């Protein structure tokens, strides 16, 4: 299974910010849209990710206030990315290795979407459930073995 399979089901709604936007505006967007990340775009290119992790670190580092900070000062400027053709197992390894909860999907330089660890986990569980149902159906339909017929001599 590939990333494109998740994007096909998930849809293509994206929320972005620019690096120069006030952090307070970005946090407001995250709260209003009930999302955990924003893609940071500049001149049509991905330049970073802003997740609740960076927001919390910024607030704690600023005496529990957002203040006048801008997105650029707190964003992850080297986020993990993948392509639509990346295998889900590889995405899982990448996300676990970096403790990443969100990953932008790029086709060349074009942003195709963002997948979350939740999206990946849900896809894996659904695939396993399907496989389990198929195996159970196969076992139920297993032909009964018959004892060999011995012909009298």
C-alpha atoms as a PDB file:
ATOM      1  CA  UNK A   1       0.000   0.000   0.000  1.00  0.00           C
ATOM      2  CA  UNK A   2       1.231   3.496  -0.847  1.00  0.00           C
ATOM      3  CA  UNK A   3       0.724   7.062   0.375  1.00  0.00           C
ATOM      4  CA  UNK A   4      -1.438   7.819  -2.675  1.00  0.00           C
ATOM      5  CA  UNK A   5      -3.983   5.297  -1.304  1.00  0.00           C
ATOM      6  CA  UNK A   6      -4.310   7.329   1.919  1.00  0.00           C
ATOM      7  CA  UNK A   7      -4.608  10.618   0.027  1.00  0.00           C
ATOM      8  CA  UNK A   8      -7.319   9.175  -2.210  1.00  0.00           C
ATOM      9  CA  UNK A   9      -9.484   8.380   0.828  1.00  0.00           C
ATOM     10  CA  UNK A  10      -8.506  11.386   2.932  1.00  0.00           C
ATOM     11  CA  UNK A  11      -9.179  14.064   0.354  1.00  0.00           C
ATOM     12  CA  UNK A  12      -7.100  17.091  -0.461  1.00  0.00           C
ATOM     13  CA  UNK A  13      -8.003  19.805   2.027  1.00  0.00           C
ATOM     14  CA  UNK A  14      -4.826  21.618   3.022  1.00  0.00           C
ATOM     15  CA  UNK A  15      -4.200  24.365   5.526  1.00  0.00           C
ATOM     16  CA  UNK A  16      -1.120  26.483   5.035  1.00  0.00           C
ATOM     17  CA  UNK A  17       0.565  29.532   6.523  1.00  0.00           C
ATOM     18  CA  UNK A  18       3.456  31.705   5.465  1.00  0.00           C
ATOM     19  CA  UNK A  19       6.621  31.990   7.552  1.00  0.00           C
ATOM     20  CA  UNK A  20       5.944  35.664   8.231  1.00  0.00           C
ATOM     21  CA  UNK A  21       2.432  35.184   9.667  1.00  0.00           C
ATOM     22  CA  UNK A  22       1.990  35.832  13.370  1.00  0.00           C
ATOM     23  CA  UNK A  23       2.145  32.630  15.389  1.00  0.00           C
ATOM     24  CA  UNK A  24      -1.088  33.659  17.126  1.00  0.00           C
ATOM     25  CA  UNK A  25      -2.949  33.610  13.779  1.00  0.00           C
ATOM     26  CA  UNK A  26      -1.557  30.163  12.961  1.00  0.00           C
ATOM     27  CA  UNK A  27      -2.595  28.792  16.359  1.00  0.00           C
ATOM     28  CA  UNK A  28      -6.070  30.282  15.898  1.00  0.00           C
ATOM     29  CA  UNK A  29      -6.380  28.525  12.519  1.00  0.00           C
ATOM     30  CA  UNK A  30      -5.275  25.223  14.063  1.00  0.00           C
ATOM     31  CA  UNK A  31      -7.881  25.576  16.822  1.00  0.00           C
ATOM     32  CA  UNK A  32     -10.716  26.675  14.508  1.00  0.00           C
ATOM     33  CA  UNK A  33     -10.039  23.887  12.002  1.00  0.00           C
ATOM     34  CA  UNK A  34      -9.309  21.286  14.719  1.00  0.00           C
ATOM     35  CA  UNK A  35      -6.010  20.312  13.087  1.00  0.00           C
ATOM     36  CA  UNK A  36      -2.620  19.516  14.548  1.00  0.00           C
ATOM     37  CA  UNK A  37      -0.415  20.956  11.840  1.00  0.00           C
ATOM     38  CA  UNK A  38      -0.029  23.632   9.215  1.00  0.00           C
ATOM     39  CA  UNK A  39       2.200  23.466   6.157  1.00  0.00           C
ATOM     40  CA  UNK A  40       4.448  26.500   5.900  1.00  0.00           C
ATOM     41  CA  UNK A  41       4.660  27.688   2.284  1.00  0.00           C
ATOM     42  CA  UNK A  42       6.706  30.513   0.773  1.00  0.00           C
ATOM     43  CA  UNK A  43       6.598  31.445  -2.918  1.00  0.00           C
ATOM     44  CA  UNK A  44       4.847  28.155  -3.695  1.00  0.00           C
ATOM     45  CA  UNK A  45       7.446  25.992  -1.968  1.00  0.00           C
ATOM     46  CA  UNK A  46       7.290  23.989   1.237  1.00  0.00           C
ATOM     47  CA  UNK A  47       9.623  25.625   3.744  1.00  0.00           C
ATOM     48  CA  UNK A  48       8.466  24.036   6.980  1.00  0.00           C
ATOM     49  CA  UNK A  49       5.801  22.516   9.201  1.00  0.00           C
ATOM     50  CA  UNK A  50       4.149  23.975  12.240  1.00  0.00           C
ATOM     51  CA  UNK A  51       2.670  21.414  14.608  1.00  0.00           C
ATOM     52  CA  UNK A  52       1.270  21.620  18.086  1.00  0.00           C
ATOM     53  CA  UNK A  53       4.684  20.357  19.303  1.00  0.00           C
ATOM     54  CA  UNK A  54       6.462  23.491  18.049  1.00  0.00           C
ATOM     55  CA  UNK A  55       3.649  25.697  19.355  1.00  0.00           C
ATOM     56  CA  UNK A  56       3.867  24.216  22.860  1.00  0.00           C
ATOM     57  CA  UNK A  57       7.663  24.541  22.907  1.00  0.00           C
ATOM     58  CA  UNK A  58       7.384  28.186  21.819  1.00  0.00           C
ATOM     59  CA  UNK A  59       4.809  28.999  24.480  1.00  0.00           C
ATOM     60  CA  UNK A  60       6.761  27.284  27.260  1.00  0.00           C
ATOM     61  CA  UNK A  61       9.954  29.004  26.104  1.00  0.00           C
ATOM     62  CA  UNK A  62       8.229  32.405  26.215  1.00  0.00           C
ATOM     63  CA  UNK A  63       6.896  32.328  29.784  1.00  0.00           C
ATOM     64  CA  UNK A  64       3.610  30.695  28.712  1.00  0.00           C
ATOM     65  CA  UNK A  65       2.714  33.352  26.144  1.00  0.00           C
ATOM     66  CA  UNK A  66       2.618  33.363  22.355  1.00  0.00           C
ATOM     67  CA  UNK A  67       3.685  36.985  22.235  1.00  0.00           C
ATOM     68  CA  UNK A  68       4.531  38.631  18.914  1.00  0.00           C
ATOM     69  CA  UNK A  69       6.435  35.695  17.442  1.00  0.00           C
ATOM     70  CA  UNK A  70       6.095  34.774  13.798  1.00  0.00           C
ATOM     71  CA  UNK A  71       5.773  31.267  12.369  1.00  0.00           C
ATOM     72  CA  UNK A  72       9.330  31.241  10.964  1.00  0.00           C
ATOM     73  CA  UNK A  73      10.830  31.457  14.455  1.00  0.00           C
ATOM     74  CA  UNK A  74       9.165  28.273  15.707  1.00  0.00           C
ATOM     75  CA  UNK A  75       8.450  26.081  12.650  1.00  0.00           C
ATOM     76  CA  UNK A  76      10.292  22.872  11.810  1.00  0.00           C
ATOM     77  CA  UNK A  77      12.308  24.038   8.816  1.00  0.00           C
ATOM     78  CA  UNK A  78      13.391  20.514   7.820  1.00  0.00           C
ATOM     79  CA  UNK A  79      10.254  18.366   8.003  1.00  0.00           C
ATOM     80  CA  UNK A  80      10.166  14.776   6.851  1.00  0.00           C
ATOM     81  CA  UNK A  81       8.493  14.437   3.478  1.00  0.00           C
ATOM     82  CA  UNK A  82       7.404  11.577   1.275  1.00  0.00           C
ATOM     83  CA  UNK A  83       6.001  11.089  -2.203  1.00  0.00           C
ATOM     84  CA  UNK A  84       2.649   9.646  -3.258  1.00  0.00           C
ATOM     85  CA  UNK A  85       4.525   6.475  -4.277  1.00  0.00           C
ATOM     86  CA  UNK A  86       6.198   5.926  -0.890  1.00  0.00           C
ATOM     87  CA  UNK A  87       5.192   2.618   0.700  1.00  0.00           C
ATOM     88  CA  UNK A  88       3.219   2.897   3.944  1.00  0.00           C
ATOM     89  CA  UNK A  89       5.700   0.664   5.796  1.00  0.00           C
ATOM     90  CA  UNK A  90       8.490   3.107   4.906  1.00  0.00           C
ATOM     91  CA  UNK A  91       6.378   6.053   6.092  1.00  0.00           C
ATOM     92  CA  UNK A  92       5.791   4.283   9.418  1.00  0.00           C
ATOM     93  CA  UNK A  93       9.531   3.725   9.872  1.00  0.00           C
ATOM     94  CA  UNK A  94      10.309   7.348   8.994  1.00  0.00           C
ATOM     95  CA  UNK A  95       7.654   8.760  11.322  1.00  0.00           C
ATOM     96  CA  UNK A  96       8.665   6.505  14.211  1.00  0.00           C
ATOM     97  CA  UNK A  97      12.339   7.312  13.708  1.00  0.00           C
ATOM     98  CA  UNK A  98      11.778  11.067  13.990  1.00  0.00           C
ATOM     99  CA  UNK A  99       8.744  10.995  16.312  1.00  0.00           C
ATOM    100  CA  UNK A 100       6.881  12.832  13.548  1.00  0.00           C
ATOM    101  CA  UNK A 101       3.109  12.977  13.673  1.00  0.00           C
ATOM    102  CA  UNK A 102       2.613  14.756  10.345  1.00  0.00           C
ATOM    103  CA  UNK A 103       4.311  14.365   6.986  1.00  0.00           C
ATOM    104  CA  UNK A 104       3.866  16.510   3.878  1.00  0.00           C
ATOM    105  CA  UNK A 105       3.469  14.590   0.629  1.00  0.00           C
ATOM    106  CA  UNK A 106       5.364  16.107  -2.293  1.00  0.00           C
ATOM    107  CA  UNK A 107       5.234  15.192  -5.957  1.00  0.00           C
ATOM    108  CA  UNK A 108       8.381  16.940  -7.088  1.00  0.00           C
ATOM    109  CA  UNK A 109       7.929  20.403  -5.589  1.00  0.00           C
ATOM    110  CA  UNK A 110       4.113  20.218  -5.612  1.00  0.00           C
ATOM    111  CA  UNK A 111       2.418  19.726  -2.238  1.00  0.00           C
ATOM    112  CA  UNK A 112      -0.130  16.918  -2.614  1.00  0.00           C
ATOM    113  CA  UNK A 113      -1.305  16.727   0.988  1.00  0.00           C
ATOM    114  CA  UNK A 114      -0.315  15.929   4.541  1.00  0.00           C
ATOM    115  CA  UNK A 115      -0.671  12.556   6.166  1.00  0.00           C
ATOM    116  CA  UNK A 116      -0.716  12.020   9.900  1.00  0.00           C
ATOM    117  CA  UNK A 117       0.412   9.123  12.015  1.00  0.00           C
ATOM    118  CA  UNK A 118      -3.306   8.558  12.667  1.00  0.00           C
ATOM    119  CA  UNK A 119      -3.936   8.244   8.906  1.00  0.00           C
ATOM    120  CA  UNK A 120      -1.144   5.683   8.613  1.00  0.00           C
ATOM    121  CA  UNK A 121      -2.291   3.685  11.647  1.00  0.00           C
ATOM    122  CA  UNK A 122      -5.902   3.684  10.439  1.00  0.00           C
ATOM    123  CA  UNK A 123      -4.848   2.442   7.000  1.00  0.00           C
ATOM    124  CA  UNK A 124      -2.726  -0.352   8.473  1.00  0.00           C
ATOM    125  CA  UNK A 125      -5.515  -1.474  10.829  1.00  0.00           C
ATOM    126  CA  UNK A 126      -8.080  -1.474   7.999  1.00  0.00           C
ATOM    127  CA  UNK A 127      -5.739  -3.511   5.785  1.00  0.00           C
ATOM    128  CA  UNK A 128      -5.152  -6.015   8.595  1.00  0.00           C
ATOM    129  CA  UNK A 129      -8.896  -6.268   9.294  1.00  0.00           C
ATOM    130  CA  UNK A 130      -9.546  -6.973   5.605  1.00  0.00           C
ATOM    131  CA  UNK A 131      -6.811  -9.613   5.524  1.00  0.00           C
ATOM    132  CA  UNK A 132      -8.200 -11.233   8.689  1.00  0.00           C
ATOM    133  CA  UNK A 133     -11.700 -11.380   7.187  1.00  0.00           C
ATOM    134  CA  UNK A 134     -10.353 -12.961   4.013  1.00  0.00           C
ATOM    135  CA  UNK A 135      -8.359 -15.552   5.961  1.00  0.00           C
ATOM    136  CA  UNK A 136     -11.371 -16.430   8.134  1.00  0.00           C
ATOM    137  CA  UNK A 137     -13.558 -16.793   5.055  1.00  0.00           C
ATOM    138  CA  UNK A 138     -10.916 -18.999   3.464  1.00  0.00           C
ATOM    139  CA  UNK A 139     -10.728 -21.186   6.568  1.00  0.00           C
ATOM    140  CA  UNK A 140     -14.527 -21.461   6.789  1.00  0.00           C
ATOM    141  CA  UNK A 141     -14.689 -22.601   3.173  1.00  0.00           C
ATOM    142  CA  UNK A 142     -11.850 -25.085   3.563  1.00  0.00           C
ATOM    143  CA  UNK A 143     -12.875 -28.387   1.980  1.00  0.00           C
ATOM    144  CA  UNK A 144     -13.343 -31.198   4.440  1.00  0.00           C
ATOM    145  CA  UNK A 145     -10.846 -33.940   4.097  1.00  0.00           C
ATOM    146  CA  UNK A 146     -12.300 -37.288   3.314  1.00  0.00           C
ATOM    147  CA  UNK A 147     -10.723 -40.551   4.258  1.00  0.00           C
ATOM    148  CA  UNK A 148      -9.401 -42.531   1.359  1.00  0.00           C
ATOM    149  CA  UNK A 149     -11.825 -45.151   0.159  1.00  0.00           C
ATOM    150  CA  UNK A 150     -10.443 -48.649   0.521  1.00  0.00           C
ATOM    151  CA  UNK A 151     -11.919 -51.007  -1.995  1.00  0.00           C
ATOM    152  CA  UNK A 152     -12.472 -54.568  -0.871  1.00  0.00           C
ATOM    153  CA  UNK A 153     -10.253 -57.073  -2.662  1.00  0.00           C
END
